[in-house]
C-alpha atoms as a PDB file:
ATOM      1  CA  UNK A   1      50.921  40.580  22.346  1.00  0.00           C
ATOM      2  CA  UNK A   2      51.494  40.245  26.025  1.00  0.00           C
ATOM      3  CA  UNK A   3      52.894  36.702  25.209  1.00  0.00           C
ATOM      4  CA  UNK A   4      55.030  38.112  22.051  1.00  0.00           C
ATOM      5  CA  UNK A   5      57.314  40.628  24.220  1.00  0.00           C
ATOM      6  CA  UNK A   6      57.945  38.275  26.472  1.00  0.00           C
ATOM      7  CA  UNK A   7      59.228  35.182  24.679  1.00  0.00           C
ATOM      8  CA  UNK A   8      61.128  37.950  22.639  1.00  0.00           C
ATOM      9  CA  UNK A   9      62.718  39.238  25.807  1.00  0.00           C
ATOM     10  CA  UNK A  10      64.185  36.269  26.584  1.00  0.00           C
ATOM     11  CA  UNK A  11      65.486  35.922  23.113  1.00  0.00           C
ATOM     12  CA  UNK A  12      68.122  38.390  23.690  1.00  0.00           C
ATOM     13  CA  UNK A  13      70.926  38.481  25.631  1.00  0.00           C
ATOM     14  CA  UNK A  14      71.659  39.413  28.932  1.00  0.00           C
ATOM     15  CA  UNK A  15      73.702  43.061  27.533  1.00  0.00           C
ATOM     16  CA  UNK A  16      70.767  44.208  25.097  1.00  0.00           C
ATOM     17  CA  UNK A  17      68.139  42.722  28.062  1.00  0.00           C
ATOM     18  CA  UNK A  18      70.139  45.281  30.114  1.00  0.00           C
ATOM     19  CA  UNK A  19      69.728  48.233  27.382  1.00  0.00           C
ATOM     20  CA  UNK A  20      65.971  47.432  26.793  1.00  0.00           C
ATOM     21  CA  UNK A  21      65.260  48.337  30.867  1.00  0.00           C
ATOM     22  CA  UNK A  22      67.472  51.244  30.490  1.00  0.00           C
ATOM     23  CA  UNK A  23      65.576  52.038  28.311  1.00  0.00           C
ATOM     24  CA  UNK A  24      62.822  51.999  29.749  1.00  0.00           C
ATOM     25  CA  UNK A  25      63.438  53.297  32.734  1.00  0.00           C
ATOM     26  CA  UNK A  26      64.501  56.543  30.717  1.00  0.00           C
ATOM     27  CA  UNK A  27      61.240  56.808  28.898  1.00  0.00           C
ATOM     28  CA  UNK A  28      59.889  56.451  32.675  1.00  0.00           C
ATOM     29  CA  UNK A  29      62.185  59.118  33.976  1.00  0.00           C
ATOM     30  CA  UNK A  30      61.954  62.011  30.848  1.00  0.00           C
ATOM     31  CA  UNK A  31      58.144  61.380  31.842  1.00  0.00           C
ATOM     32  CA  UNK A  32      57.810  61.840  34.998  1.00  0.00           C
ATOM     33  CA  UNK A  33      59.836  65.015  35.047  1.00  0.00           C
ATOM     34  CA  UNK A  34      57.444  66.616  33.372  1.00  0.00           C
ATOM     35  CA  UNK A  35      54.286  65.778  35.145  1.00  0.00           C
ATOM     36  CA  UNK A  36      57.149  67.313  38.128  1.00  0.00           C
ATOM     37  CA  UNK A  37      57.666  70.400  36.057  1.00  0.00           C
ATOM     38  CA  UNK A  38      53.944  71.096  35.203  1.00  0.00           C
ATOM     39  CA  UNK A  39      52.678  69.983  38.433  1.00  0.00           C
ATOM     40  CA  UNK A  40      54.894  70.772  40.910  1.00  0.00           C
ATOM     41  CA  UNK A  41      53.566  74.654  41.953  1.00  0.00           C
ATOM     42  CA  UNK A  42      57.087  75.367  44.675  1.00  0.00           C
ATOM     43  CA  UNK A  43      59.464  74.378  42.521  1.00  0.00           C
ATOM     44  CA  UNK A  44      63.027  75.614  42.948  1.00  0.00           C
ATOM     45  CA  UNK A  45      63.486  76.922  39.475  1.00  0.00           C
ATOM     46  CA  UNK A  46      61.849  80.311  38.962  1.00  0.00           C
ATOM     47  CA  UNK A  47      59.535  79.796  36.005  1.00  0.00           C
ATOM     48  CA  UNK A  48      56.501  81.093  35.086  1.00  0.00           C
ATOM     49  CA  UNK A  49      53.858  79.359  34.766  1.00  0.00           C
ATOM     50  CA  UNK A  50      53.557  79.258  30.566  1.00  0.00           C
ATOM     51  CA  UNK A  51      57.105  78.952  30.468  1.00  0.00           C
ATOM     52  CA  UNK A  52      56.702  76.214  33.495  1.00  0.00           C
ATOM     53  CA  UNK A  53      54.424  74.062  31.378  1.00  0.00           C
ATOM     54  CA  UNK A  54      55.918  73.731  27.000  1.00  0.00           C
ATOM     55  CA  UNK A  55      58.584  72.957  29.062  1.00  0.00           C
ATOM     56  CA  UNK A  56      56.976  69.827  31.187  1.00  0.00           C
ATOM     57  CA  UNK A  57      54.973  68.872  27.465  1.00  0.00           C
ATOM     58  CA  UNK A  58      58.345  69.577  25.799  1.00  0.00           C
ATOM     59  CA  UNK A  59      59.671  66.918  28.499  1.00  0.00           C
ATOM     60  CA  UNK A  60      56.964  63.969  27.820  1.00  0.00           C
ATOM     61  CA  UNK A  61      56.593  64.569  24.773  1.00  0.00           C
ATOM     62  CA  UNK A  62      60.579  63.840  24.200  1.00  0.00           C
ATOM     63  CA  UNK A  63      59.972  60.642  25.946  1.00  0.00           C
ATOM     64  CA  UNK A  64      56.674  59.130  23.919  1.00  0.00           C
ATOM     65  CA  UNK A  65      59.904  60.402  21.408  1.00  0.00           C
ATOM     66  CA  UNK A  66      62.246  58.598  22.543  1.00  0.00           C
ATOM     67  CA  UNK A  67      59.707  54.612  23.620  1.00  0.00           C
ATOM     68  CA  UNK A  68      58.490  54.914  19.990  1.00  0.00           C
ATOM     69  CA  UNK A  69      62.067  55.282  18.228  1.00  0.00           C
ATOM     70  CA  UNK A  70      63.237  52.574  20.790  1.00  0.00           C
ATOM     71  CA  UNK A  71      60.219  50.750  20.942  1.00  0.00           C
ATOM     72  CA  UNK A  72      60.408  50.623  16.583  1.00  0.00           C
ATOM     73  CA  UNK A  73      64.339  49.519  16.564  1.00  0.00           C
ATOM     74  CA  UNK A  74      63.845  46.550  19.344  1.00  0.00           C
ATOM     75  CA  UNK A  75      60.610  44.982  17.325  1.00  0.00           C
END
């Protein structure tokens, strides 16, 4: 399966490869941002604990939603 993705990646034009890398980058960015919001206790933005966890989970779910849409568009 991984070799199929590599072959498909090599067939793409440079602009499509760039957009693929940007899509993966934003998936990781939203995922890390959600984890930071959940686990960073001394966050500069004052939020109640349950709102912070809810916002972090929302960011993580959104990152997986973007990844699923992105993966379906590229297959």
